[in-house]
Amino acid sequence: MIEGCSFGAMIINGRKYNKDLIIYPDGKIEDGWWRSRGHRLNAADIQRLIESGPEVIVAGTGVFGRMKPADGLAAHLEEMGIAFVALPNKKAMARFNSEQRAGRKVGGCFHLTC
C-alpha cells in the first residue's frame, strides 16, 4: 500500500522514495525510473510493467499532473486487456490502493515531482 505522497516523495510500506518509480503487481519496486521523453509516458517506458501481467496500471502523473500519456497508450493497453488510469499523484495513490484492496493485480508508475 502507498501510505503517502508529496512533491518529490512517496512512502510505501514505511519506506520513503525520492525518485520516480514503478510498482509491480508482485510488490517489487523499481525506483530511479525515467521516461525516454521526459514528461511523456510511452508504452516502451513501462514495458517491464506491462510484461509483469497487471490487470490495471495506474499512472501517477505528478503532483500537478504534468506527465502525459502518449496518444494511443490507453487504447494499446486496453487491447492487451489492461485497464489504464492516469491521474495526479494523490488521486492515483488512492486509486492504486483501492485496486489493491479489491484484489486486482495492479501495477503503478509514478512521476514524483511536477
Protein backbone atom coordinates (compact mmCIF):
# COMPACT_ATOMS: atom_id res chain seq x y z
CA MET A 1 0.00 0.00 0.00
CA ILE A 2 1.06 3.55 -0.70
CA GLU A 3 0.92 5.41 2.59
CA GLY A 4 1.53 8.94 1.39
CA CYS A 5 2.92 11.22 -1.25
CA SER A 6 4.11 14.78 -1.55
CA PHE A 7 6.24 16.74 -4.00
CA GLY A 8 9.30 14.58 -4.69
CA ALA A 9 8.41 11.81 -2.25
CA MET A 10 6.27 8.71 -1.82
CA ILE A 11 6.00 6.42 1.19
CA ILE A 12 5.33 2.74 0.52
CA ASN A 13 5.27 0.17 3.32
CA GLY A 14 7.10 2.57 5.62
CA ARG A 15 9.93 3.34 3.19
CA LYS A 16 10.36 6.79 1.64
CA TYR A 17 11.21 7.03 -2.07
CA ASN A 18 12.53 10.23 -3.67
CA LYS A 19 12.83 9.17 -7.31
CA ASP A 20 10.20 8.28 -9.91
CA LEU A 21 9.20 4.67 -9.52
CA ILE A 22 7.35 1.63 -10.81
CA ILE A 23 5.42 -0.72 -8.55
CA TYR A 24 4.93 -4.21 -9.96
CA PRO A 25 1.90 -6.39 -9.16
CA ASP A 26 4.09 -8.67 -7.01
CA GLY A 27 5.06 -5.67 -4.84
CA LYS A 28 8.57 -5.17 -6.26
CA ILE A 29 9.51 -1.50 -6.50
CA GLU A 30 11.87 -0.08 -9.10
CA ASP A 31 12.98 3.42 -8.18
CA GLY A 32 15.00 5.73 -10.35
CA TRP A 33 12.60 5.07 -13.26
CA TRP A 34 12.76 7.54 -16.13
CA ARG A 35 10.90 8.03 -19.38
CA SER A 36 12.53 8.33 -22.78
CA ARG A 37 10.72 11.62 -23.44
CA GLY A 38 10.63 13.31 -20.03
CA HIS A 39 7.04 14.24 -19.29
CA ARG A 40 5.55 11.94 -21.96
CA LEU A 41 4.66 8.36 -20.95
CA ASN A 42 5.07 5.79 -23.74
CA ALA A 43 4.47 2.02 -23.74
CA ALA A 44 8.23 1.42 -24.03
CA ASP A 45 8.74 3.30 -20.75
CA ILE A 46 6.63 0.74 -18.88
CA GLN A 47 7.35 -2.36 -20.95
CA ARG A 48 8.59 -4.44 -18.00
CA LEU A 49 5.49 -3.42 -16.05
CA ILE A 50 3.25 -4.46 -18.96
CA GLU A 51 5.08 -7.81 -19.17
CA SER A 52 4.52 -8.42 -15.44
CA GLY A 53 0.85 -9.16 -16.16
CA PRO A 54 -1.17 -6.46 -14.40
CA GLU A 55 -4.93 -6.20 -14.75
CA VAL A 56 -4.67 -2.46 -14.09
CA ILE A 57 -1.90 0.10 -14.48
CA VAL A 58 -2.25 3.31 -12.50
CA ALA A 59 -0.01 6.15 -13.67
CA GLY A 60 0.70 8.93 -11.21
CA THR A 61 1.22 11.90 -13.48
CA GLY A 62 2.96 14.08 -10.88
CA VAL A 63 1.80 16.38 -8.13
CA PHE A 64 0.47 18.84 -10.71
CA GLY A 65 -0.34 16.24 -13.38
CA ARG A 66 2.29 17.36 -15.89
CA MET A 67 3.35 13.91 -17.14
CA LYS A 68 1.01 12.98 -20.01
CA PRO A 69 0.32 9.56 -21.54
CA ALA A 70 1.21 9.35 -25.22
CA ASP A 71 -1.66 9.36 -27.66
CA GLY A 72 -2.95 5.84 -28.06
CA LEU A 73 -1.33 4.41 -24.91
CA ALA A 74 -4.63 3.73 -23.14
CA ALA A 75 -6.10 2.07 -26.26
CA HIS A 76 -2.94 -0.02 -26.72
CA LEU A 77 -3.13 -1.27 -23.13
CA GLU A 78 -6.86 -1.94 -23.37
CA GLU A 79 -6.23 -4.10 -26.46
CA MET A 80 -3.89 -6.12 -24.24
CA GLY A 81 -6.61 -6.49 -21.60
CA ILE A 82 -5.01 -3.98 -19.20
CA ALA A 83 -7.10 -1.17 -17.75
CA PHE A 84 -5.21 2.13 -17.62
CA VAL A 85 -5.76 5.12 -15.38
CA ALA A 86 -3.65 8.30 -15.36
CA LEU A 87 -4.24 10.76 -12.53
CA PRO A 88 -2.33 13.34 -10.48
CA ASN A 89 -0.44 11.58 -7.70
CA LYS A 90 -2.81 11.92 -4.72
CA LYS A 91 -5.73 10.61 -6.77
CA ALA A 92 -3.52 7.95 -8.38
CA MET A 93 -2.33 6.82 -4.95
CA ALA A 94 -5.93 6.43 -3.76
CA ARG A 95 -6.89 4.55 -6.93
CA PHE A 96 -3.84 2.25 -6.69
CA ASN A 97 -4.70 1.39 -3.09
CA SER A 98 -8.38 0.78 -3.87
CA GLU A 99 -7.47 -1.54 -6.77
CA GLN A 100 -5.10 -3.41 -4.47
CA ARG A 101 -7.74 -3.71 -1.74
CA ALA A 102 -10.15 -5.07 -4.36
CA GLY A 103 -7.69 -7.90 -5.00
CA ARG A 104 -6.78 -6.88 -8.54
CA LYS A 105 -3.28 -7.32 -9.96
CA VAL A 106 -2.33 -3.66 -10.04
CA GLY A 107 0.89 -2.03 -11.17
CA GLY A 108 1.81 1.60 -10.99
CA CYS A 109 4.23 4.12 -12.38
CA PHE A 110 4.67 7.41 -10.57
CA HIS A 111 6.35 10.68 -11.52
CA LEU A 112 7.08 12.18 -8.10
CA THR A 113 7.55 15.83 -8.97
CA CYS A 114 5.69 18.16 -11.31
